[in-house]
Amino acid sequence: PNWTATAEMMKEIGADGVNGDTMDGIPKAFSDAALK
């Protein structure tokens, strides 16, 4: 899933945040995947 792949990639490179392109709200799954 996008949220899992995104969280893992951001952790691997040490990035701090994610911008949701074209999105009017990033689903909670992205936050949950990062916290996990």
PDB file of all heavy atoms in Angstrom:
ATOM      1  N   PRO A   1       0.824  -1.214   0.000  1.00  0.00           N
ATOM      2  CA  PRO A   1       0.000   0.000   0.000  1.00  0.00           C
ATOM      3  C   PRO A   1       0.853   1.258   0.000  1.00  0.00           C
ATOM      4  O   PRO A   1       1.971   1.279   0.525  1.00  0.00           O
ATOM      5  CB  PRO A   1      -0.803  -0.126   1.303  1.00  0.00           C
ATOM      6  CG  PRO A   1      -0.785  -1.576   1.642  1.00  0.00           C
ATOM      7  CD  PRO A   1       0.533  -2.096   1.150  1.00  0.00           C
ATOM      8  N   ASN A   2       0.299   2.323  -0.575  1.00  0.00           N
ATOM      9  CA  ASN A   2       1.008   3.608  -0.608  1.00  0.00           C
ATOM     10  C   ASN A   2       1.484   4.032   0.771  1.00  0.00           C
ATOM     11  O   ASN A   2       2.599   4.532   0.930  1.00  0.00           O
ATOM     12  CB  ASN A   2       0.099   4.696  -1.178  1.00  0.00           C
ATOM     13  CG  ASN A   2       0.207   4.844  -2.678  1.00  0.00           C
ATOM     14  OD1 ASN A   2      -0.749   5.206  -3.324  1.00  0.00           O
ATOM     15  ND2 ASN A   2       1.374   4.597  -3.253  1.00  0.00           N
ATOM     16  N   TRP A   3       0.614   3.889   1.765  1.00  0.00           N
ATOM     17  CA  TRP A   3       0.971   4.386   3.087  1.00  0.00           C
ATOM     18  C   TRP A   3       2.155   3.618   3.671  1.00  0.00           C
ATOM     19  O   TRP A   3       3.025   4.215   4.289  1.00  0.00           O
ATOM     20  CB  TRP A   3      -0.235   4.356   4.022  1.00  0.00           C
ATOM     21  CG  TRP A   3      -1.071   3.102   3.948  1.00  0.00           C
ATOM     22  CD1 TRP A   3      -0.882   1.941   4.628  1.00  0.00           C
ATOM     23  CD2 TRP A   3      -2.231   2.903   3.131  1.00  0.00           C
ATOM     24  NE1 TRP A   3      -1.840   1.022   4.314  1.00  0.00           N
ATOM     25  CE2 TRP A   3      -2.694   1.580   3.391  1.00  0.00           C
ATOM     26  CE3 TRP A   3      -2.930   3.702   2.228  1.00  0.00           C
ATOM     27  CZ2 TRP A   3      -3.817   1.054   2.760  1.00  0.00           C
ATOM     28  CZ3 TRP A   3      -4.046   3.179   1.613  1.00  0.00           C
ATOM     29  CH2 TRP A   3      -4.481   1.878   1.871  1.00  0.00           C
ATOM     30  N   THR A   4       2.182   2.319   3.424  1.00  0.00           N
ATOM     31  CA  THR A   4       3.310   1.520   3.923  1.00  0.00           C
ATOM     32  C   THR A   4       4.587   1.865   3.176  1.00  0.00           C
ATOM     33  O   THR A   4       5.643   2.090   3.782  1.00  0.00           O
ATOM     34  CB  THR A   4       3.007   0.019   3.774  1.00  0.00           C
ATOM     35  OG1 THR A   4       1.822  -0.298   4.495  1.00  0.00           O
ATOM     36  CG2 THR A   4       4.157  -0.821   4.293  1.00  0.00           C
ATOM     37  N   ALA A   5       4.508   1.908   1.840  1.00  0.00           N
ATOM     38  CA  ALA A   5       5.686   2.223   1.036  1.00  0.00           C
ATOM     39  C   ALA A   5       6.213   3.618   1.361  1.00  0.00           C
ATOM     40  O   ALA A   5       7.436   3.829   1.447  1.00  0.00           O
ATOM     41  CB  ALA A   5       5.344   2.119  -0.440  1.00  0.00           C
ATOM     42  N   THR A   6       5.307   4.562   1.561  1.00  0.00           N
ATOM     43  CA  THR A   6       5.721   5.932   1.856  1.00  0.00           C
ATOM     44  C   THR A   6       6.402   6.023   3.207  1.00  0.00           C
ATOM     45  O   THR A   6       7.474   6.620   3.344  1.00  0.00           O
ATOM     46  CB  THR A   6       4.505   6.873   1.806  1.00  0.00           C
ATOM     47  OG1 THR A   6       3.948   6.851   0.485  1.00  0.00           O
ATOM     48  CG2 THR A   6       4.887   8.288   2.173  1.00  0.00           C
ATOM     49  N   ALA A   7       5.784   5.449   4.218  1.00  0.00           N
ATOM     50  CA  ALA A   7       6.379   5.495   5.556  1.00  0.00           C
ATOM     51  C   ALA A   7       7.753   4.843   5.562  1.00  0.00           C
ATOM     52  O   ALA A   7       8.712   5.372   6.155  1.00  0.00           O
ATOM     53  CB  ALA A   7       5.447   4.810   6.560  1.00  0.00           C
ATOM     54  N   GLU A   8       7.876   3.709   4.910  1.00  0.00           N
ATOM     55  CA  GLU A   8       9.161   3.004   4.897  1.00  0.00           C
ATOM     56  C   GLU A   8      10.230   3.801   4.162  1.00  0.00           C
ATOM     57  O   GLU A   8      11.378   3.884   4.605  1.00  0.00           O
ATOM     58  CB  GLU A   8       8.988   1.626   4.272  1.00  0.00           C
ATOM     59  CG  GLU A   8       8.172   0.672   5.137  1.00  0.00           C
ATOM     60  CD  GLU A   8       7.916  -0.671   4.464  1.00  0.00           C
ATOM     61  OE1 GLU A   8       8.247  -0.822   3.265  1.00  0.00           O
ATOM     62  OE2 GLU A   8       7.375  -1.574   5.139  1.00  0.00           O
ATOM     63  N   MET A   9       9.858   4.402   3.025  1.00  0.00           N
ATOM     64  CA  MET A   9      10.830   5.183   2.269  1.00  0.00           C
ATOM     65  C   MET A   9      11.262   6.416   3.051  1.00  0.00           C
ATOM     66  O   MET A   9      12.455   6.760   3.113  1.00  0.00           O
ATOM     67  CB  MET A   9      10.244   5.583   0.919  1.00  0.00           C
ATOM     68  CG  MET A   9      11.154   6.478   0.073  1.00  0.00           C
ATOM     69  SD  MET A   9      12.729   5.706  -0.372  1.00  0.00           S
ATOM     70  CE  MET A   9      12.167   4.591  -1.666  1.00  0.00           C
ATOM     71  N   MET A  10      10.311   7.113   3.668  1.00  0.00           N
ATOM     72  CA  MET A  10      10.657   8.316   4.421  1.00  0.00           C
ATOM     73  C   MET A  10      11.545   7.979   5.612  1.00  0.00           C
ATOM     74  O   MET A  10      12.477   8.724   5.945  1.00  0.00           O
ATOM     75  CB  MET A  10       9.392   9.038   4.895  1.00  0.00           C
ATOM     76  CG  MET A  10       8.522   9.602   3.766  1.00  0.00           C
ATOM     77  SD  MET A  10       9.350  10.741   2.638  1.00  0.00           S
ATOM     78  CE  MET A  10       9.692   9.667   1.215  1.00  0.00           C
ATOM     79  N   LYS A  11      11.308   6.852   6.262  1.00  0.00           N
ATOM     80  CA  LYS A  11      12.182   6.453   7.366  1.00  0.00           C
ATOM     81  C   LYS A  11      13.569   6.105   6.856  1.00  0.00           C
ATOM     82  O   LYS A  11      14.582   6.465   7.471  1.00  0.00           O
ATOM     83  CB  LYS A  11      11.580   5.258   8.111  1.00  0.00           C
ATOM     84  CG  LYS A  11      12.437   4.817   9.314  1.00  0.00           C
ATOM     85  CD  LYS A  11      11.770   3.733  10.130  1.00  0.00           C
ATOM     86  CE  LYS A  11      12.635   3.386  11.355  1.00  0.00           C
ATOM     87  NZ  LYS A  11      11.985   2.365  12.224  1.00  0.00           N
ATOM     88  N   GLU A  12      13.632   5.422   5.718  1.00  0.00           N
ATOM     89  CA  GLU A  12      14.927   5.003   5.178  1.00  0.00           C
ATOM     90  C   GLU A  12      15.816   6.198   4.863  1.00  0.00           C
ATOM     91  O   GLU A  12      17.028   6.166   5.100  1.00  0.00           O
ATOM     92  CB  GLU A  12      14.727   4.158   3.928  1.00  0.00           C
ATOM     93  CG  GLU A  12      16.018   3.566   3.369  1.00  0.00           C
ATOM     94  CD  GLU A  12      15.790   2.626   2.209  1.00  0.00           C
ATOM     95  OE1 GLU A  12      14.648   2.536   1.714  1.00  0.00           O
ATOM     96  OE2 GLU A  12      16.763   1.966   1.788  1.00  0.00           O
ATOM     97  N   ILE A  13      15.229   7.266   4.341  1.00  0.00           N
ATOM     98  CA  ILE A  13      16.040   8.422   3.967  1.00  0.00           C
ATOM     99  C   ILE A  13      16.058   9.508   5.045  1.00  0.00           C
ATOM    100  O   ILE A  13      16.774  10.499   4.914  1.00  0.00           O
ATOM    101  CB  ILE A  13      15.563   9.031   2.638  1.00  0.00           C
ATOM    102  CG1 ILE A  13      14.135   9.561   2.748  1.00  0.00           C
ATOM    103  CG2 ILE A  13      15.683   8.003   1.512  1.00  0.00           C
ATOM    104  CD1 ILE A  13      13.627  10.229   1.477  1.00  0.00           C
ATOM    105  N   GLY A  14      15.261   9.316   6.109  1.00  0.00           N
ATOM    106  CA  GLY A  14      15.266  10.263   7.217  1.00  0.00           C
ATOM    107  C   GLY A  14      14.417  11.494   7.001  1.00  0.00           C
ATOM    108  O   GLY A  14      14.605  12.502   7.696  1.00  0.00           O
ATOM    109  N   ALA A  15      13.472  11.461   6.056  1.00  0.00           N
ATOM    110  CA  ALA A  15      12.619  12.617   5.787  1.00  0.00           C
ATOM    111  C   ALA A  15      11.602  12.814   6.904  1.00  0.00           C
ATOM    112  O   ALA A  15      11.279  11.880   7.658  1.00  0.00           O
ATOM    113  CB  ALA A  15      11.915  12.465   4.446  1.00  0.00           C
ATOM    114  N   ASP A  16      11.075  14.030   7.000  1.00  0.00           N
ATOM    115  CA  ASP A  16      10.247  14.427   8.139  1.00  0.00           C
ATOM    116  C   ASP A  16       8.759  14.509   7.839  1.00  0.00           C
ATOM    117  O   ASP A  16       7.947  14.508   8.761  1.00  0.00           O
ATOM    118  CB  ASP A  16      10.702  15.799   8.640  1.00  0.00           C
ATOM    119  CG  ASP A  16      12.195  15.846   8.898  1.00  0.00           C
ATOM    120  OD1 ASP A  16      12.626  15.324   9.931  1.00  0.00           O
ATOM    121  OD2 ASP A  16      12.925  16.398   8.049  1.00  0.00           O
ATOM    122  N   GLY A  17       8.413  14.639   6.558  1.00  0.00           N
ATOM    123  CA  GLY A  17       7.004  14.834   6.245  1.00  0.00           C
ATOM    124  C   GLY A  17       6.669  14.437   4.832  1.00  0.00           C
ATOM    125  O   GLY A  17       7.546  14.167   4.007  1.00  0.00           O
ATOM    126  N   VAL A  18       5.360  14.432   4.562  1.00  0.00           N
ATOM    127  CA  VAL A  18       4.840  14.026   3.259  1.00  0.00           C
ATOM    128  C   VAL A  18       3.806  15.047   2.813  1.00  0.00           C
ATOM    129  O   VAL A  18       2.909  15.414   3.584  1.00  0.00           O
ATOM    130  CB  VAL A  18       4.194  12.628   3.337  1.00  0.00           C
ATOM    131  CG1 VAL A  18       3.508  12.282   2.022  1.00  0.00           C
ATOM    132  CG2 VAL A  18       5.228  11.573   3.674  1.00  0.00           C
ATOM    133  N   ASN A  19       3.945  15.481   1.565  1.00  0.00           N
ATOM    134  CA  ASN A  19       2.936  16.336   0.948  1.00  0.00           C
ATOM    135  C   ASN A  19       2.025  15.471   0.095  1.00  0.00           C
ATOM    136  O   ASN A  19       2.496  14.681  -0.726  1.00  0.00           O
ATOM    137  CB  ASN A  19       3.616  17.405   0.085  1.00  0.00           C
ATOM    138  CG  ASN A  19       2.620  18.238  -0.694  1.00  0.00           C
ATOM    139  OD1 ASN A  19       2.212  17.867  -1.790  1.00  0.00           O
ATOM    140  ND2 ASN A  19       2.226  19.366  -0.134  1.00  0.00           N
ATOM    141  N   GLY A  20       0.724  15.604   0.268  1.00  0.00           N
ATOM    142  CA  GLY A  20      -0.234  14.809  -0.483  1.00  0.00           C
ATOM    143  C   GLY A  20      -0.654  15.524  -1.743  1.00  0.00           C
ATOM    144  O   GLY A  20      -1.543  16.383  -1.717  1.00  0.00           O
ATOM    145  N   ASP A  21      -0.025  15.174  -2.869  1.00  0.00           N
ATOM    146  CA  ASP A  21      -0.312  15.861  -4.126  1.00  0.00           C
ATOM    147  C   ASP A  21      -1.756  15.632  -4.552  1.00  0.00           C
ATOM    148  O   ASP A  21      -2.244  14.491  -4.560  1.00  0.00           O
ATOM    149  CB  ASP A  21       0.640  15.364  -5.209  1.00  0.00           C
ATOM    150  CG  ASP A  21       0.459  16.096  -6.514  1.00  0.00           C
ATOM    151  OD1 ASP A  21       0.401  17.333  -6.483  1.00  0.00           O
ATOM    152  OD2 ASP A  21       0.367  15.435  -7.564  1.00  0.00           O
ATOM    153  N   THR A  22      -2.442  16.693  -4.917  1.00  0.00           N
ATOM    154  CA  THR A  22      -3.835  16.739  -5.368  1.00  0.00           C
ATOM    155  C   THR A  22      -4.823  16.329  -4.274  1.00  0.00           C
ATOM    156  O   THR A  22      -6.016  16.198  -4.556  1.00  0.00           O
ATOM    157  CB  THR A  22      -4.085  15.853  -6.610  1.00  0.00           C
ATOM    158  OG1 THR A  22      -4.063  14.465  -6.247  1.00  0.00           O
ATOM    159  CG2 THR A  22      -3.069  16.118  -7.712  1.00  0.00           C
ATOM    160  N   MET A  23      -4.366  16.135  -3.063  1.00  0.00           N
ATOM    161  CA  MET A  23      -5.226  15.570  -2.012  1.00  0.00           C
ATOM    162  C   MET A  23      -5.801  16.659  -1.111  1.00  0.00           C
ATOM    163  O   MET A  23      -5.091  17.571  -0.680  1.00  0.00           O
ATOM    164  CB  MET A  23      -4.432  14.562  -1.176  1.00  0.00           C
ATOM    165  CG  MET A  23      -3.869  13.404  -1.980  1.00  0.00           C
ATOM    166  SD  MET A  23      -2.761  12.339  -1.021  1.00  0.00           S
ATOM    167  CE  MET A  23      -3.930  11.548   0.069  1.00  0.00           C
ATOM    168  N   ASP A  24      -7.081  16.530  -0.777  1.00  0.00           N
ATOM    169  CA  ASP A  24      -7.692  17.423   0.204  1.00  0.00           C
ATOM    170  C   ASP A  24      -7.789  16.687   1.539  1.00  0.00           C
ATOM    171  O   ASP A  24      -8.847  16.592   2.149  1.00  0.00           O
ATOM    172  CB  ASP A  24      -9.060  17.918  -0.274  1.00  0.00           C
ATOM    173  CG  ASP A  24     -10.053  16.795  -0.500  1.00  0.00           C
ATOM    174  OD1 ASP A  24      -9.636  15.623  -0.471  1.00  0.00           O
ATOM    175  OD2 ASP A  24     -11.247  17.093  -0.694  1.00  0.00           O
ATOM    176  N   GLY A  25      -6.658  16.212   1.977  1.00  0.00           N
ATOM    177  CA  GLY A  25      -6.582  15.441   3.211  1.00  0.00           C
ATOM    178  C   GLY A  25      -5.894  14.111   2.961  1.00  0.00           C
ATOM    179  O   GLY A  25      -6.298  13.360   2.069  1.00  0.00           O
ATOM    180  N   ILE A  26      -4.850  13.832   3.723  1.00  0.00           N
ATOM    181  CA  ILE A  26      -4.138  12.562   3.596  1.00  0.00           C
ATOM    182  C   ILE A  26      -4.780  11.558   4.553  1.00  0.00           C
ATOM    183  O   ILE A  26      -4.950  11.850   5.742  1.00  0.00           O
ATOM    184  CB  ILE A  26      -2.642  12.733   3.915  1.00  0.00           C
ATOM    185  CG1 ILE A  26      -2.015  13.753   2.960  1.00  0.00           C
ATOM    186  CG2 ILE A  26      -1.906  11.405   3.817  1.00  0.00           C
ATOM    187  CD1 ILE A  26      -0.540  14.025   3.209  1.00  0.00           C
ATOM    188  N   PRO A  27      -5.149  10.379   4.063  1.00  0.00           N
ATOM    189  CA  PRO A  27      -5.827   9.400   4.924  1.00  0.00           C
ATOM    190  C   PRO A  27      -5.020   9.043   6.165  1.00  0.00           C
ATOM    191  O   PRO A  27      -3.780   9.054   6.157  1.00  0.00           O
ATOM    192  CB  PRO A  27      -5.993   8.190   4.003  1.00  0.00           C
ATOM    193  CG  PRO A  27      -5.999   8.759   2.627  1.00  0.00           C
ATOM    194  CD  PRO A  27      -5.042   9.916   2.665  1.00  0.00           C
ATOM    195  N   LYS A  28      -5.718   8.678   7.216  1.00  0.00           N
ATOM    196  CA  LYS A  28      -5.086   8.344   8.493  1.00  0.00           C
ATOM    197  C   LYS A  28      -4.155   7.142   8.371  1.00  0.00           C
ATOM    198  O   LYS A  28      -3.221   6.983   9.169  1.00  0.00           O
ATOM    199  CB  LYS A  28      -6.156   8.077   9.547  1.00  0.00           C
ATOM    200  CG  LYS A  28      -5.620   7.966  10.969  1.00  0.00           C
ATOM    201  CD  LYS A  28      -6.773   7.929  11.962  1.00  0.00           C
ATOM    202  CE  LYS A  28      -6.257   7.911  13.401  1.00  0.00           C
ATOM    203  NZ  LYS A  28      -5.551   6.655  13.719  1.00  0.00           N
ATOM    204  N   ALA A  29      -4.374   6.309   7.354  1.00  0.00           N
ATOM    205  CA  ALA A  29      -3.509   5.145   7.175  1.00  0.00           C
ATOM    206  C   ALA A  29      -2.052   5.550   7.026  1.00  0.00           C
ATOM    207  O   ALA A  29      -1.147   4.807   7.447  1.00  0.00           O
ATOM    208  CB  ALA A  29      -3.960   4.341   5.954  1.00  0.00           C
ATOM    209  N   PHE A  30      -1.780   6.706   6.454  1.00  0.00           N
ATOM    210  CA  PHE A  30      -0.399   7.175   6.304  1.00  0.00           C
ATOM    211  C   PHE A  30       0.211   7.501   7.663  1.00  0.00           C
ATOM    212  O   PHE A  30       1.367   7.177   7.931  1.00  0.00           O
ATOM    213  CB  PHE A  30      -0.345   8.398   5.392  1.00  0.00           C
ATOM    214  CG  PHE A  30      -0.487   8.075   3.935  1.00  0.00           C
ATOM    215  CD1 PHE A  30      -1.745   7.938   3.354  1.00  0.00           C
ATOM    216  CD2 PHE A  30       0.632   7.908   3.127  1.00  0.00           C
ATOM    217  CE1 PHE A  30      -1.888   7.638   2.010  1.00  0.00           C
ATOM    218  CE2 PHE A  30       0.502   7.608   1.785  1.00  0.00           C
ATOM    219  CZ  PHE A  30      -0.764   7.465   1.220  1.00  0.00           C
ATOM    220  N   SER A  31      -0.576   8.155   8.504  1.00  0.00           N
ATOM    221  CA  SER A  31      -0.090   8.467   9.854  1.00  0.00           C
ATOM    222  C   SER A  31       0.122   7.192  10.663  1.00  0.00           C
ATOM    223  O   SER A  31       1.148   7.023  11.337  1.00  0.00           O
ATOM    224  CB  SER A  31      -1.090   9.383  10.561  1.00  0.00           C
ATOM    225  OG  SER A  31      -0.689   9.647  11.887  1.00  0.00           O
ATOM    226  N   ASP A  32      -0.838   6.279  10.569  1.00  0.00           N
ATOM    227  CA  ASP A  32      -0.732   5.027  11.325  1.00  0.00           C
ATOM    228  C   ASP A  32       0.475   4.210  10.882  1.00  0.00           C
ATOM    229  O   ASP A  32       1.191   3.629  11.716  1.00  0.00           O
ATOM    230  CB  ASP A  32      -2.004   4.198  11.149  1.00  0.00           C
ATOM    231  CG  ASP A  32      -3.215   4.830  11.817  1.00  0.00           C
ATOM    232  OD1 ASP A  32      -3.020   5.716  12.667  1.00  0.00           O
ATOM    233  OD2 ASP A  32      -4.347   4.441  11.469  1.00  0.00           O
ATOM    234  N   ALA A  33       0.733   4.166   9.559  1.00  0.00           N
ATOM    235  CA  ALA A  33       1.869   3.399   9.057  1.00  0.00           C
ATOM    236  C   ALA A  33       3.185   3.980   9.549  1.00  0.00           C
ATOM    237  O   ALA A  33       4.130   3.244   9.871  1.00  0.00           O
ATOM    238  CB  ALA A  33       1.841   3.365   7.531  1.00  0.00           C
ATOM    239  N   ALA A  34       3.269   5.306   9.611  1.00  0.00           N
ATOM    240  CA  ALA A  34       4.491   5.953  10.089  1.00  0.00           C
ATOM    241  C   ALA A  34       4.697   5.718  11.584  1.00  0.00           C
ATOM    242  O   ALA A  34       5.815   5.438  12.042  1.00  0.00           O
ATOM    243  CB  ALA A  34       4.438   7.443   9.781  1.00  0.00           C
ATOM    244  N   LEU A  35       3.618   5.824  12.354  1.00  0.00           N
ATOM    245  CA  LEU A  35       3.729   5.583  13.795  1.00  0.00           C
ATOM    246  C   LEU A  35       4.091   4.129  14.084  1.00  0.00           C
ATOM    247  O   LEU A  35       4.839   3.836  15.026  1.00  0.00           O
ATOM    248  CB  LEU A  35       2.420   5.954  14.490  1.00  0.00           C
ATOM    249  CG  LEU A  35       2.061   7.443  14.505  1.00  0.00           C
ATOM    250  CD1 LEU A  35       0.654   7.649  15.064  1.00  0.00           C
ATOM    251  CD2 LEU A  35       3.082   8.228  15.332  1.00  0.00           C
ATOM    252  N   LYS A  36       3.583   3.227  13.257  1.00  0.00           N
ATOM    253  CA  LYS A  36       3.838   1.798  13.461  1.00  0.00           C
ATOM    254  C   LYS A  36       5.317   1.465  13.384  1.00  0.00           C
ATOM    255  O   LYS A  36       5.809   0.578  14.096  1.00  0.00           O
ATOM    256  CB  LYS A  36       3.054   0.986  12.426  1.00  0.00           C
ATOM    257  CG  LYS A  36       3.167  -0.525  12.603  1.00  0.00           C
ATOM    258  CD  LYS A  36       2.306  -1.252  11.577  1.00  0.00           C
ATOM    259  CE  LYS A  36       2.415  -2.768  11.746  1.00  0.00           C
ATOM    260  NZ  LYS A  36       1.563  -3.480  10.749  1.00  0.00           N
TER     261      LYS A  36
END
